[in-house]
Amino acid sequence: MSESFIPTDYFPVAIFFILAILIGLGTLLLGVFLRPKRPYAQKLYPYESGNPPVGEPRYKFSVKFYIIAMLFVVFDVEAVFLYPWAVAYGKLGIFGFIEMMLFIFILLIGYIYVWKKGAFDWE
């Protein structure tokens, strides 16, 4: 007796996924057909936050800028994990406390490593 495996539990998820893609593509296509198309020189001129551009557009940023930005994102996202822990602290008990201290300790090791490597020195 051979049975074919059809994951019927995933049909609602697949329908939702297809529907989401169709709605996204539909709104994009609707915008292409309905929005006004009146390009002119001033409209096509590049700008930065409403200000006229200053300097060469191909200016190279220092790698330090990107490192600081990535470190900010990493430590900021990690700090976001502290809020749910603080909310559920009463239910987690000592296990939750030990886990969060381990988490903070790992973050501290990463912070010290990056500090010793000189990633925070802005030159």
PDB file of N, CA and C in Angstrom:
ATOM      1  N   MET A   1       0.846  -1.176   0.000  1.00  0.00           N
ATOM      2  CA  MET A   1       0.000   0.000   0.000  1.00  0.00           C
ATOM      3  C   MET A   1       0.888   1.234   0.000  1.00  0.00           C
ATOM      4  N   SER A   2       0.870   1.962  -1.077  1.00  0.00           N
ATOM      5  CA  SER A   2       1.708   3.162  -1.150  1.00  0.00           C
ATOM      6  C   SER A   2       0.852   4.392  -0.896  1.00  0.00           C
ATOM      7  N   GLU A   3       1.310   5.192   0.022  1.00  0.00           N
ATOM      8  CA  GLU A   3       0.610   6.426   0.344  1.00  0.00           C
ATOM      9  C   GLU A   3       1.427   7.597  -0.164  1.00  0.00           C
ATOM     10  N   SER A   4       0.752   8.541  -0.754  1.00  0.00           N
ATOM     11  CA  SER A   4       1.454   9.746  -1.187  1.00  0.00           C
ATOM     12  C   SER A   4       1.352  10.774  -0.078  1.00  0.00           C
ATOM     13  N   PHE A   5       2.411  11.470   0.145  1.00  0.00           N
ATOM     14  CA  PHE A   5       2.448  12.471   1.216  1.00  0.00           C
ATOM     15  C   PHE A   5       2.070  13.830   0.645  1.00  0.00           C
ATOM     16  N   ILE A   6       0.920  14.313   1.023  1.00  0.00           N
ATOM     17  CA  ILE A   6       0.467  15.646   0.622  1.00  0.00           C
ATOM     18  C   ILE A   6       0.261  16.444   1.902  1.00  0.00           C
ATOM     19  N   PRO A   7       1.105  17.437   2.132  1.00  0.00           N
ATOM     20  CA  PRO A   7       0.996  18.204   3.382  1.00  0.00           C
ATOM     21  C   PRO A   7      -0.193  19.167   3.352  1.00  0.00           C
ATOM     22  N   THR A   8      -1.376  18.655   3.619  1.00  0.00           N
ATOM     23  CA  THR A   8      -2.581  19.480   3.556  1.00  0.00           C
ATOM     24  C   THR A   8      -2.624  20.548   4.633  1.00  0.00           C
ATOM     25  N   ASP A   9      -1.861  20.383   5.693  1.00  0.00           N
ATOM     26  CA  ASP A   9      -1.833  21.400   6.745  1.00  0.00           C
ATOM     27  C   ASP A   9      -1.188  22.689   6.270  1.00  0.00           C
ATOM     28  N   TYR A  10      -0.391  22.622   5.223  1.00  0.00           N
ATOM     29  CA  TYR A  10       0.320  23.801   4.730  1.00  0.00           C
ATOM     30  C   TYR A  10      -0.432  24.534   3.620  1.00  0.00           C
ATOM     31  N   PHE A  11      -1.566  24.034   3.185  1.00  0.00           N
ATOM     32  CA  PHE A  11      -2.328  24.698   2.125  1.00  0.00           C
ATOM     33  C   PHE A  11      -2.741  26.122   2.509  1.00  0.00           C
ATOM     34  N   PRO A  12      -3.241  26.364   3.718  1.00  0.00           N
ATOM     35  CA  PRO A  12      -3.576  27.753   4.075  1.00  0.00           C
ATOM     36  C   PRO A  12      -2.361  28.680   4.051  1.00  0.00           C
ATOM     37  N   VAL A  13      -1.212  28.165   4.454  1.00  0.00           N
ATOM     38  CA  VAL A  13       0.008  28.972   4.422  1.00  0.00           C
ATOM     39  C   VAL A  13       0.396  29.271   2.979  1.00  0.00           C
ATOM     40  N   ALA A  14       0.298  28.277   2.118  1.00  0.00           N
ATOM     41  CA  ALA A  14       0.636  28.477   0.706  1.00  0.00           C
ATOM     42  C   ALA A  14      -0.327  29.460   0.057  1.00  0.00           C
ATOM     43  N   ILE A  15      -1.615  29.347   0.368  1.00  0.00           N
ATOM     44  CA  ILE A  15      -2.595  30.282  -0.194  1.00  0.00           C
ATOM     45  C   ILE A  15      -2.316  31.695   0.290  1.00  0.00           C
ATOM     46  N   PHE A  16      -2.005  31.838   1.568  1.00  0.00           N
ATOM     47  CA  PHE A  16      -1.695  33.155   2.123  1.00  0.00           C
ATOM     48  C   PHE A  16      -0.440  33.739   1.467  1.00  0.00           C
ATOM     49  N   PHE A  17       0.574  32.911   1.261  1.00  0.00           N
ATOM     50  CA  PHE A  17       1.818  33.354   0.626  1.00  0.00           C
ATOM     51  C   PHE A  17       1.563  33.804  -0.816  1.00  0.00           C
ATOM     52  N   ILE A  18       0.806  33.020  -1.564  1.00  0.00           N
ATOM     53  CA  ILE A  18       0.491  33.372  -2.951  1.00  0.00           C
ATOM     54  C   ILE A  18      -0.343  34.640  -2.998  1.00  0.00           C
ATOM     55  N   LEU A  19      -1.314  34.761  -2.098  1.00  0.00           N
ATOM     56  CA  LEU A  19      -2.155  35.950  -2.037  1.00  0.00           C
ATOM     57  C   LEU A  19      -1.323  37.193  -1.713  1.00  0.00           C
ATOM     58  N   ALA A  20      -0.385  37.060  -0.801  1.00  0.00           N
ATOM     59  CA  ALA A  20       0.475  38.200  -0.453  1.00  0.00           C
ATOM     60  C   ALA A  20       1.319  38.635  -1.645  1.00  0.00           C
ATOM     61  N   ILE A  21       1.866  37.686  -2.378  1.00  0.00           N
ATOM     62  CA  ILE A  21       2.665  38.018  -3.564  1.00  0.00           C
ATOM     63  C   ILE A  21       1.791  38.683  -4.629  1.00  0.00           C
ATOM     64  N   LEU A  22       0.592  38.153  -4.848  1.00  0.00           N
ATOM     65  CA  LEU A  22      -0.298  38.728  -5.857  1.00  0.00           C
ATOM     66  C   LEU A  22      -0.735  40.142  -5.488  1.00  0.00           C
ATOM     67  N   ILE A  23      -1.017  40.385  -4.217  1.00  0.00           N
ATOM     68  CA  ILE A  23      -1.410  41.735  -3.798  1.00  0.00           C
ATOM     69  C   ILE A  23      -0.243  42.701  -3.974  1.00  0.00           C
ATOM     70  N   GLY A  24       0.952  42.274  -3.601  1.00  0.00           N
ATOM     71  CA  GLY A  24       2.134  43.124  -3.775  1.00  0.00           C
ATOM     72  C   GLY A  24       2.396  43.453  -5.231  1.00  0.00           C
ATOM     73  N   LEU A  25       2.398  42.435  -6.070  1.00  0.00           N
ATOM     74  CA  LEU A  25       2.625  42.674  -7.497  1.00  0.00           C
ATOM     75  C   LEU A  25       1.484  43.473  -8.120  1.00  0.00           C
ATOM     76  N   GLY A  26       0.255  43.205  -7.671  1.00  0.00           N
ATOM     77  CA  GLY A  26      -0.894  43.930  -8.201  1.00  0.00           C
ATOM     78  C   GLY A  26      -0.822  45.417  -7.898  1.00  0.00           C
ATOM     79  N   THR A  27      -0.439  45.785  -6.670  1.00  0.00           N
ATOM     80  CA  THR A  27      -0.332  47.210  -6.346  1.00  0.00           C
ATOM     81  C   THR A  27       0.802  47.871  -7.107  1.00  0.00           C
ATOM     82  N   LEU A  28       1.890  47.149  -7.322  1.00  0.00           N
ATOM     83  CA  LEU A  28       2.982  47.724  -8.114  1.00  0.00           C
ATOM     84  C   LEU A  28       2.550  47.961  -9.555  1.00  0.00           C
ATOM     85  N   LEU A  29       1.899  46.982 -10.148  1.00  0.00           N
ATOM     86  CA  LEU A  29       1.436  47.135 -11.537  1.00  0.00           C
ATOM     87  C   LEU A  29       0.355  48.209 -11.646  1.00  0.00           C
ATOM     88  N   LEU A  30      -0.517  48.280 -10.667  1.00  0.00           N
ATOM     89  CA  LEU A  30      -1.548  49.313 -10.667  1.00  0.00           C
ATOM     90  C   LEU A  30      -0.913  50.698 -10.612  1.00  0.00           C
ATOM     91  N   GLY A  31       0.149  50.842  -9.835  1.00  0.00           N
ATOM     92  CA  GLY A  31       0.859  52.112  -9.760  1.00  0.00           C
ATOM     93  C   GLY A  31       1.517  52.489 -11.076  1.00  0.00           C
ATOM     94  N   VAL A  32       2.049  51.492 -11.787  1.00  0.00           N
ATOM     95  CA  VAL A  32       2.680  51.763 -13.086  1.00  0.00           C
ATOM     96  C   VAL A  32       1.658  52.335 -14.062  1.00  0.00           C
ATOM     97  N   PHE A  33       0.456  51.799 -14.032  1.00  0.00           N
ATOM     98  CA  PHE A  33      -0.552  52.242 -14.995  1.00  0.00           C
ATOM     99  C   PHE A  33      -1.282  53.512 -14.576  1.00  0.00           C
ATOM    100  N   LEU A  34      -1.397  53.783 -13.285  1.00  0.00           N
ATOM    101  CA  LEU A  34      -2.211  54.904 -12.832  1.00  0.00           C
ATOM    102  C   LEU A  34      -1.441  56.185 -12.499  1.00  0.00           C
ATOM    103  N   ARG A  35      -0.173  56.059 -12.146  1.00  0.00           N
ATOM    104  CA  ARG A  35       0.540  57.273 -11.740  1.00  0.00           C
ATOM    105  C   ARG A  35       0.880  58.143 -12.952  1.00  0.00           C
ATOM    106  N   PRO A  36       0.952  59.444 -12.734  1.00  0.00           N
ATOM    107  CA  PRO A  36       1.288  60.336 -13.857  1.00  0.00           C
ATOM    108  C   PRO A  36       2.758  60.184 -14.254  1.00  0.00           C
ATOM    109  N   LYS A  37       3.006  60.300 -15.542  1.00  0.00           N
ATOM    110  CA  LYS A  37       4.371  60.180 -16.065  1.00  0.00           C
ATOM    111  C   LYS A  37       4.757  61.509 -16.695  1.00  0.00           C
ATOM    112  N   ARG A  38       5.294  62.399 -15.886  1.00  0.00           N
ATOM    113  CA  ARG A  38       5.711  63.707 -16.381  1.00  0.00           C
ATOM    114  C   ARG A  38       7.144  64.012 -15.938  1.00  0.00           C
ATOM    115  N   PRO A  39       8.121  63.310 -16.491  1.00  0.00           N
ATOM    116  CA  PRO A  39       9.498  63.601 -16.083  1.00  0.00           C
ATOM    117  C   PRO A  39       9.983  64.920 -16.691  1.00  0.00           C
ATOM    118  N   TYR A  40      10.742  65.656 -15.906  1.00  0.00           N
ATOM    119  CA  TYR A  40      11.383  66.873 -16.398  1.00  0.00           C
ATOM    120  C   TYR A  40      12.725  67.002 -15.688  1.00  0.00           C
ATOM    121  N   ALA A  41      13.567  67.906 -16.166  1.00  0.00           N
ATOM    122  CA  ALA A  41      14.963  67.972 -15.720  1.00  0.00           C
ATOM    123  C   ALA A  41      15.082  68.162 -14.208  1.00  0.00           C
ATOM    124  N   GLN A  42      14.292  69.062 -13.630  1.00  0.00           N
ATOM    125  CA  GLN A  42      14.398  69.322 -12.193  1.00  0.00           C
ATOM    126  C   GLN A  42      13.973  68.099 -11.378  1.00  0.00           C
ATOM    127  N   LYS A  43      13.015  67.362 -11.858  1.00  0.00           N
ATOM    128  CA  LYS A  43      12.529  66.183 -11.157  1.00  0.00           C
ATOM    129  C   LYS A  43      13.577  65.069 -11.163  1.00  0.00           C
ATOM    130  N   LEU A  44      14.332  64.981 -12.232  1.00  0.00           N
ATOM    131  CA  LEU A  44      15.339  63.934 -12.361  1.00  0.00           C
ATOM    132  C   LEU A  44      16.681  64.309 -11.744  1.00  0.00           C
ATOM    133  N   TYR A  45      16.785  65.515 -11.183  1.00  0.00           N
ATOM    134  CA  TYR A  45      18.028  65.986 -10.581  1.00  0.00           C
ATOM    135  C   TYR A  45      18.214  65.325  -9.217  1.00  0.00           C
ATOM    136  N   PRO A  46      19.401  64.749  -8.943  1.00  0.00           N
ATOM    137  CA  PRO A  46      19.611  64.083  -7.653  1.00  0.00           C
ATOM    138  C   PRO A  46      19.664  65.103  -6.510  1.00  0.00           C
ATOM    139  N   TYR A  47      19.215  64.678  -5.344  1.00  0.00           N
ATOM    140  CA  TYR A  47      19.250  65.545  -4.166  1.00  0.00           C
ATOM    141  C   TYR A  47      19.463  64.699  -2.919  1.00  0.00           C
ATOM    142  N   GLU A  48      19.879  65.352  -1.857  1.00  0.00           N
ATOM    143  CA  GLU A  48      20.070  64.694  -0.576  1.00  0.00           C
ATOM    144  C   GLU A  48      19.194  65.366   0.456  1.00  0.00           C
ATOM    145  N   SER A  49      18.138  64.725   0.848  1.00  0.00           N
ATOM    146  CA  SER A  49      17.223  65.222   1.879  1.00  0.00           C
ATOM    147  C   SER A  49      16.710  66.616   1.555  1.00  0.00           C
ATOM    148  N   GLY A  50      16.444  66.890   0.308  1.00  0.00           N
ATOM    149  CA  GLY A  50      15.904  68.181  -0.087  1.00  0.00           C
ATOM    150  C   GLY A  50      16.959  69.246  -0.320  1.00  0.00           C
ATOM    151  N   ASN A  51      18.207  68.954  -0.049  1.00  0.00           N
ATOM    152  CA  ASN A  51      19.292  69.911  -0.250  1.00  0.00           C
ATOM    153  C   ASN A  51      19.993  69.609  -1.565  1.00  0.00           C
ATOM    154  N   PRO A  52      20.511  70.641  -2.234  1.00  0.00           N
ATOM    155  CA  PRO A  52      21.271  70.376  -3.456  1.00  0.00           C
ATOM    156  C   PRO A  52      22.526  69.571  -3.124  1.00  0.00           C
ATOM    157  N   PRO A  53      22.929  68.669  -3.994  1.00  0.00           N
ATOM    158  CA  PRO A  53      24.108  67.858  -3.712  1.00  0.00           C
ATOM    159  C   PRO A  53      25.368  68.709  -3.636  1.00  0.00           C
ATOM    160  N   VAL A  54      26.235  68.327  -2.710  1.00  0.00           N
ATOM    161  CA  VAL A  54      27.502  69.032  -2.516  1.00  0.00           C
ATOM    162  C   VAL A  54      28.622  68.020  -2.716  1.00  0.00           C
ATOM    163  N   GLY A  55      29.554  68.336  -3.539  1.00  0.00           N
ATOM    164  CA  GLY A  55      30.709  67.468  -3.747  1.00  0.00           C
ATOM    165  C   GLY A  55      30.452  66.380  -4.764  1.00  0.00           C
ATOM    166  N   GLU A  56      31.412  65.514  -4.875  1.00  0.00           N
ATOM    167  CA  GLU A  56      31.379  64.412  -5.831  1.00  0.00           C
ATOM    168  C   GLU A  56      30.469  63.300  -5.314  1.00  0.00           C
ATOM    169  N   PRO A  57      29.587  62.767  -6.151  1.00  0.00           N
ATOM    170  CA  PRO A  57      28.686  61.708  -5.675  1.00  0.00           C
ATOM    171  C   PRO A  57      29.404  60.382  -5.430  1.00  0.00           C
ATOM    172  N   ARG A  58      30.585  60.237  -5.942  1.00  0.00           N
ATOM    173  CA  ARG A  58      31.326  58.981  -5.771  1.00  0.00           C
ATOM    174  C   ARG A  58      32.281  59.035  -4.590  1.00  0.00           C
ATOM    175  N   TYR A  59      31.961  59.844  -3.586  1.00  0.00           N
ATOM    176  CA  TYR A  59      32.813  59.973  -2.408  1.00  0.00           C
ATOM    177  C   TYR A  59      32.857  58.641  -1.667  1.00  0.00           C
ATOM    178  N   LYS A  60      34.048  58.201  -1.313  1.00  0.00           N
ATOM    179  CA  LYS A  60      34.205  56.922  -0.624  1.00  0.00           C
ATOM    180  C   LYS A  60      34.193  57.161   0.889  1.00  0.00           C
ATOM    181  N   PHE A  61      33.332  56.420   1.563  1.00  0.00           N
ATOM    182  CA  PHE A  61      33.295  56.473   3.015  1.00  0.00           C
ATOM    183  C   PHE A  61      34.378  55.567   3.575  1.00  0.00           C
ATOM    184  N   SER A  62      34.850  55.926   4.744  1.00  0.00           N
ATOM    185  CA  SER A  62      35.835  55.099   5.420  1.00  0.00           C
ATOM    186  C   SER A  62      35.190  53.785   5.836  1.00  0.00           C
ATOM    187  N   VAL A  63      35.980  52.737   5.850  1.00  0.00           N
ATOM    188  CA  VAL A  63      35.493  51.439   6.288  1.00  0.00           C
ATOM    189  C   VAL A  63      35.063  51.512   7.751  1.00  0.00           C
ATOM    190  N   LYS A  64      35.687  52.382   8.520  1.00  0.00           N
ATOM    191  CA  LYS A  64      35.323  52.556   9.934  1.00  0.00           C
ATOM    192  C   LYS A  64      33.850  52.939  10.067  1.00  0.00           C
ATOM    193  N   PHE A  65      33.347  53.742   9.144  1.00  0.00           N
ATOM    194  CA  PHE A  65      31.947  54.137   9.183  1.00  0.00           C
ATOM    195  C   PHE A  65      31.038  52.912   9.135  1.00  0.00           C
ATOM    196  N   TYR A  66      31.319  51.988   8.227  1.00  0.00           N
ATOM    197  CA  TYR A  66      30.500  50.800   8.079  1.00  0.00           C
ATOM    198  C   TYR A  66      30.658  49.863   9.275  1.00  0.00           C
ATOM    199  N   ILE A  67      31.860  49.770   9.811  1.00  0.00           N
ATOM    200  CA  ILE A  67      32.081  48.930  10.986  1.00  0.00           C
ATOM    201  C   ILE A  67      31.286  49.456  12.173  1.00  0.00           C
ATOM    202  N   ILE A  68      31.336  50.768  12.400  1.00  0.00           N
ATOM    203  CA  ILE A  68      30.570  51.356  13.497  1.00  0.00           C
ATOM    204  C   ILE A  68      29.075  51.131  13.265  1.00  0.00           C
ATOM    205  N   ALA A  69      28.618  51.287  12.046  1.00  0.00           N
ATOM    206  CA  ALA A  69      27.195  51.085  11.746  1.00  0.00           C
ATOM    207  C   ALA A  69      26.778  49.634  12.019  1.00  0.00           C
ATOM    208  N   MET A  70      27.594  48.673  11.594  1.00  0.00           N
ATOM    209  CA  MET A  70      27.265  47.271  11.839  1.00  0.00           C
ATOM    210  C   MET A  70      27.301  46.951  13.330  1.00  0.00           C
ATOM    211  N   LEU A  71      28.280  47.494  14.034  1.00  0.00           N
ATOM    212  CA  LEU A  71      28.339  47.254  15.474  1.00  0.00           C
ATOM    213  C   LEU A  71      27.132  47.849  16.177  1.00  0.00           C
ATOM    214  N   PHE A  72      26.710  49.028  15.744  1.00  0.00           N
ATOM    215  CA  PHE A  72      25.522  49.628  16.336  1.00  0.00           C
ATOM    216  C   PHE A  72      24.310  48.731  16.129  1.00  0.00           C
ATOM    217  N   VAL A  73      24.139  48.234  14.922  1.00  0.00           N
ATOM    218  CA  VAL A  73      22.989  47.378  14.639  1.00  0.00           C
ATOM    219  C   VAL A  73      23.057  46.108  15.479  1.00  0.00           C
ATOM    220  N   VAL A  74      24.224  45.496  15.551  1.00  0.00           N
ATOM    221  CA  VAL A  74      24.369  44.250  16.322  1.00  0.00           C
ATOM    222  C   VAL A  74      24.031  44.487  17.784  1.00  0.00           C
ATOM    223  N   PHE A  75      24.649  45.494  18.401  1.00  0.00           N
ATOM    224  CA  PHE A  75      24.414  45.718  19.819  1.00  0.00           C
ATOM    225  C   PHE A  75      23.021  46.269  20.076  1.00  0.00           C
ATOM    226  N   ASP A  76      22.452  46.994  19.140  1.00  0.00           N
ATOM    227  CA  ASP A  76      21.101  47.499  19.307  1.00  0.00           C
ATOM    228  C   ASP A  76      20.092  46.362  19.250  1.00  0.00           C
ATOM    229  N   VAL A  77      20.259  45.449  18.310  1.00  0.00           N
ATOM    230  CA  VAL A  77      19.360  44.305  18.205  1.00  0.00           C
ATOM    231  C   VAL A  77      19.494  43.422  19.442  1.00  0.00           C
ATOM    232  N   GLU A  78      20.705  43.262  19.925  1.00  0.00           N
ATOM    233  CA  GLU A  78      20.898  42.448  21.121  1.00  0.00           C
ATOM    234  C   GLU A  78      20.238  43.107  22.325  1.00  0.00           C
ATOM    235  N   ALA A  79      20.271  44.423  22.395  1.00  0.00           N
ATOM    236  CA  ALA A  79      19.643  45.120  23.514  1.00  0.00           C
ATOM    237  C   ALA A  79      18.128  44.976  23.465  1.00  0.00           C
ATOM    238  N   VAL A  80      17.564  44.786  22.283  1.00  0.00           N
ATOM    239  CA  VAL A  80      16.121  44.599  22.154  1.00  0.00           C
ATOM    240  C   VAL A  80      15.688  43.314  22.856  1.00  0.00           C
ATOM    241  N   PHE A  81      16.562  42.325  22.927  1.00  0.00           N
ATOM    242  CA  PHE A  81      16.229  41.074  23.598  1.00  0.00           C
ATOM    243  C   PHE A  81      16.104  41.247  25.109  1.00  0.00           C
ATOM    244  N   LEU A  82      16.631  42.322  25.648  1.00  0.00           N
ATOM    245  CA  LEU A  82      16.535  42.536  27.091  1.00  0.00           C
ATOM    246  C   LEU A  82      15.112  42.895  27.521  1.00  0.00           C
ATOM    247  N   TYR A  83      14.345  43.538  26.673  1.00  0.00           N
ATOM    248  CA  TYR A  83      13.001  43.982  27.058  1.00  0.00           C
ATOM    249  C   TYR A  83      12.049  42.808  27.324  1.00  0.00           C
ATOM    250  N   PRO A  84      11.923  41.836  26.412  1.00  0.00           N
ATOM    251  CA  PRO A  84      11.029  40.715  26.721  1.00  0.00           C
ATOM    252  C   PRO A  84      11.497  39.931  27.947  1.00  0.00           C
ATOM    253  N   TRP A  85      12.805  39.844  28.119  1.00  0.00           N
ATOM    254  CA  TRP A  85      13.326  39.158  29.300  1.00  0.00           C
ATOM    255  C   TRP A  85      12.911  39.881  30.571  1.00  0.00           C
ATOM    256  N   ALA A  86      12.983  41.202  30.551  1.00  0.00           N
ATOM    257  CA  ALA A  86      12.605  41.973  31.737  1.00  0.00           C
ATOM    258  C   ALA A  86      11.110  41.838  32.022  1.00  0.00           C
ATOM    259  N   VAL A  87      10.298  41.758  30.971  1.00  0.00           N
ATOM    260  CA  VAL A  87       8.852  41.613  31.158  1.00  0.00           C
ATOM    261  C   VAL A  87       8.522  40.245  31.754  1.00  0.00           C
ATOM    262  N   ALA A  88       9.195  39.199  31.281  1.00  0.00           N
ATOM    263  CA  ALA A  88       8.907  37.837  31.731  1.00  0.00           C
ATOM    264  C   ALA A  88       9.832  37.378  32.843  1.00  0.00           C
ATOM    265  N   TYR A  89      10.548  38.287  33.466  1.00  0.00           N
ATOM    266  CA  TYR A  89      11.539  37.902  34.477  1.00  0.00           C
ATOM    267  C   TYR A  89      10.908  37.138  35.633  1.00  0.00           C
ATOM    268  N   GLY A  90       9.728  37.556  36.081  1.00  0.00           N
ATOM    269  CA  GLY A  90       9.078  36.892  37.213  1.00  0.00           C
ATOM    270  C   GLY A  90       8.738  35.438  36.922  1.00  0.00           C
ATOM    271  N   LYS A  91       8.423  35.108  35.688  1.00  0.00           N
ATOM    272  CA  LYS A  91       8.052  33.738  35.323  1.00  0.00           C
ATOM    273  C   LYS A  91       9.272  32.864  35.053  1.00  0.00           C
ATOM    274  N   LEU A  92      10.376  33.494  34.657  1.00  0.00           N
ATOM    275  CA  LEU A  92      11.553  32.715  34.278  1.00  0.00           C
ATOM    276  C   LEU A  92      12.354  32.232  35.475  1.00  0.00           C
ATOM    277  N   GLY A  93      12.360  33.026  36.520  1.00  0.00           N
ATOM    278  CA  GLY A  93      13.075  32.632  37.730  1.00  0.00           C
ATOM    279  C   GLY A  93      14.583  32.675  37.565  1.00  0.00           C
ATOM    280  N   ILE A  94      15.250  31.834  38.324  1.00  0.00           N
ATOM    281  CA  ILE A  94      16.723  31.831  38.355  1.00  0.00           C
ATOM    282  C   ILE A  94      17.302  31.340  37.025  1.00  0.00           C
ATOM    283  N   PHE A  95      16.604  30.421  36.352  1.00  0.00           N
ATOM    284  CA  PHE A  95      17.080  29.933  35.058  1.00  0.00           C
ATOM    285  C   PHE A  95      17.154  31.070  34.049  1.00  0.00           C
ATOM    286  N   GLY A  96      16.109  31.884  33.988  1.00  0.00           N
ATOM    287  CA  GLY A  96      16.090  33.029  33.080  1.00  0.00           C
ATOM    288  C   GLY A  96      17.164  34.039  33.425  1.00  0.00           C
ATOM    289  N   PHE A  97      17.405  34.239  34.708  1.00  0.00           N
ATOM    290  CA  PHE A  97      18.445  35.174  35.140  1.00  0.00           C
ATOM    291  C   PHE A  97      19.827  34.694  34.698  1.00  0.00           C
ATOM    292  N   ILE A  98      20.101  33.410  34.902  1.00  0.00           N
ATOM    293  CA  ILE A  98      21.406  32.855  34.518  1.00  0.00           C
ATOM    294  C   ILE A  98      21.585  32.917  33.007  1.00  0.00           C
ATOM    295  N   GLU A  99      20.548  32.588  32.264  1.00  0.00           N
ATOM    296  CA  GLU A  99      20.629  32.655  30.802  1.00  0.00           C
ATOM    297  C   GLU A  99      20.909  34.072  30.325  1.00  0.00           C
ATOM    298  N   MET A 100      20.253  35.064  30.909  1.00  0.00           N
ATOM    299  CA  MET A 100      20.469  36.450  30.474  1.00  0.00           C
ATOM    300  C   MET A 100      21.854  36.943  30.876  1.00  0.00           C
ATOM    301  N   MET A 101      22.340  36.532  32.039  1.00  0.00           N
ATOM    302  CA  MET A 101      23.694  36.921  32.430  1.00  0.00           C
ATOM    303  C   MET A 101      24.720  36.300  31.482  1.00  0.00           C
ATOM    304  N   LEU A 102      24.473  35.072  31.052  1.00  0.00           N
ATOM    305  CA  LEU A 102      25.353  34.435  30.062  1.00  0.00           C
ATOM    306  C   LEU A 102      25.303  35.199  28.740  1.00  0.00           C
ATOM    307  N   PHE A 103      24.112  35.593  28.328  1.00  0.00           N
ATOM    308  CA  PHE A 103      23.930  36.375  27.105  1.00  0.00           C
ATOM    309  C   PHE A 103      24.677  37.704  27.191  1.00  0.00           C
ATOM    310  N   ILE A 104      24.525  38.406  28.301  1.00  0.00           N
ATOM    311  CA  ILE A 104      25.198  39.692  28.490  1.00  0.00           C
ATOM    312  C   ILE A 104      26.708  39.498  28.558  1.00  0.00           C
ATOM    313  N   PHE A 105      27.154  38.400  29.171  1.00  0.00           N
ATOM    314  CA  PHE A 105      28.590  38.119  29.243  1.00  0.00           C
ATOM    315  C   PHE A 105      29.168  37.904  27.842  1.00  0.00           C
ATOM    316  N   ILE A 106      28.457  37.177  26.991  1.00  0.00           N
ATOM    317  CA  ILE A 106      28.926  36.958  25.611  1.00  0.00           C
ATOM    318  C   ILE A 106      28.977  38.284  24.862  1.00  0.00           C
ATOM    319  N   LEU A 107      27.964  39.134  25.059  1.00  0.00           N
ATOM    320  CA  LEU A 107      27.987  40.462  24.445  1.00  0.00           C
ATOM    321  C   LEU A 107      29.170  41.281  24.939  1.00  0.00           C
ATOM    322  N   LEU A 108      29.442  41.200  26.219  1.00  0.00           N
ATOM    323  CA  LEU A 108      30.561  41.941  26.803  1.00  0.00           C
ATOM    324  C   LEU A 108      31.895  41.473  26.220  1.00  0.00           C
ATOM    325  N   ILE A 109      32.042  40.180  26.030  1.00  0.00           N
ATOM    326  CA  ILE A 109      33.265  39.650  25.414  1.00  0.00           C
ATOM    327  C   ILE A 109      33.413  40.199  23.992  1.00  0.00           C
ATOM    328  N   GLY A 110      32.323  40.215  23.237  1.00  0.00           N
ATOM    329  CA  GLY A 110      32.365  40.770  21.880  1.00  0.00           C
ATOM    330  C   GLY A 110      32.693  42.248  21.886  1.00  0.00           C
ATOM    331  N   TYR A 111      32.118  42.976  22.827  1.00  0.00           N
ATOM    332  CA  TYR A 111      32.383  44.412  22.940  1.00  0.00           C
ATOM    333  C   TYR A 111      33.852  44.675  23.262  1.00  0.00           C
ATOM    334  N   ILE A 112      34.402  43.926  24.202  1.00  0.00           N
ATOM    335  CA  ILE A 112      35.820  44.093  24.561  1.00  0.00           C
ATOM    336  C   ILE A 112      36.713  43.718  23.391  1.00  0.00           C
ATOM    337  N   TYR A 113      36.369  42.667  22.668  1.00  0.00           N
ATOM    338  CA  TYR A 113      37.157  42.254  21.509  1.00  0.00           C
ATOM    339  C   TYR A 113      37.204  43.357  20.454  1.00  0.00           C
ATOM    340  N   VAL A 114      36.046  43.921  20.163  1.00  0.00           N
ATOM    341  CA  VAL A 114      35.971  44.980  19.160  1.00  0.00           C
ATOM    342  C   VAL A 114      36.707  46.217  19.643  1.00  0.00           C
ATOM    343  N   TRP A 115      36.605  46.507  20.915  1.00  0.00           N
ATOM    344  CA  TRP A 115      37.300  47.660  21.495  1.00  0.00           C
ATOM    345  C   TRP A 115      38.810  47.479  21.388  1.00  0.00           C
ATOM    346  N   LYS A 116      39.310  46.286  21.715  1.00  0.00           N
ATOM    347  CA  LYS A 116      40.754  46.016  21.638  1.00  0.00           C
ATOM    348  C   LYS A 116      41.265  46.049  20.203  1.00  0.00           C
ATOM    349  N   LYS A 117      40.413  45.677  19.248  1.00  0.00           N
ATOM    350  CA  LYS A 117      40.807  45.720  17.838  1.00  0.00           C
ATOM    351  C   LYS A 117      40.849  47.145  17.302  1.00  0.00           C
ATOM    352  N   GLY A 118      40.302  48.110  18.063  1.00  0.00           N
ATOM    353  CA  GLY A 118      40.335  49.508  17.652  1.00  0.00           C
ATOM    354  C   GLY A 118      39.211  49.918  16.738  1.00  0.00           C
ATOM    355  N   ALA A 119      38.112  49.162  16.733  1.00  0.00           N
ATOM    356  CA  ALA A 119      37.010  49.490  15.840  1.00  0.00           C
ATOM    357  C   ALA A 119      36.286  50.759  16.276  1.00  0.00           C
ATOM    358  N   PHE A 120      36.409  51.142  17.542  1.00  0.00           N
ATOM    359  CA  PHE A 120      35.736  52.340  18.025  1.00  0.00           C
ATOM    360  C   PHE A 120      36.589  53.597  17.875  1.00  0.00           C
ATOM    361  N   ASP A 121      37.818  53.443  17.425  1.00  0.00           N
ATOM    362  CA  ASP A 121      38.692  54.618  17.235  1.00  0.00           C
ATOM    363  C   ASP A 121      38.351  55.271  15.910  1.00  0.00           C
ATOM    364  N   TRP A 122      37.851  56.488  15.980  1.00  0.00           N
ATOM    365  CA  TRP A 122      37.449  57.218  14.776  1.00  0.00           C
ATOM    366  C   TRP A 122      38.601  58.113  14.351  1.00  0.00           C
ATOM    367  N   GLU A 123      39.227  57.789  13.262  1.00  0.00           N
ATOM    368  CA  GLU A 123      40.403  58.561  12.811  1.00  0.00           C
ATOM    369  C   GLU A 123      40.131  59.262  11.519  1.00  0.00           C
TER     370      GLU A 123
END
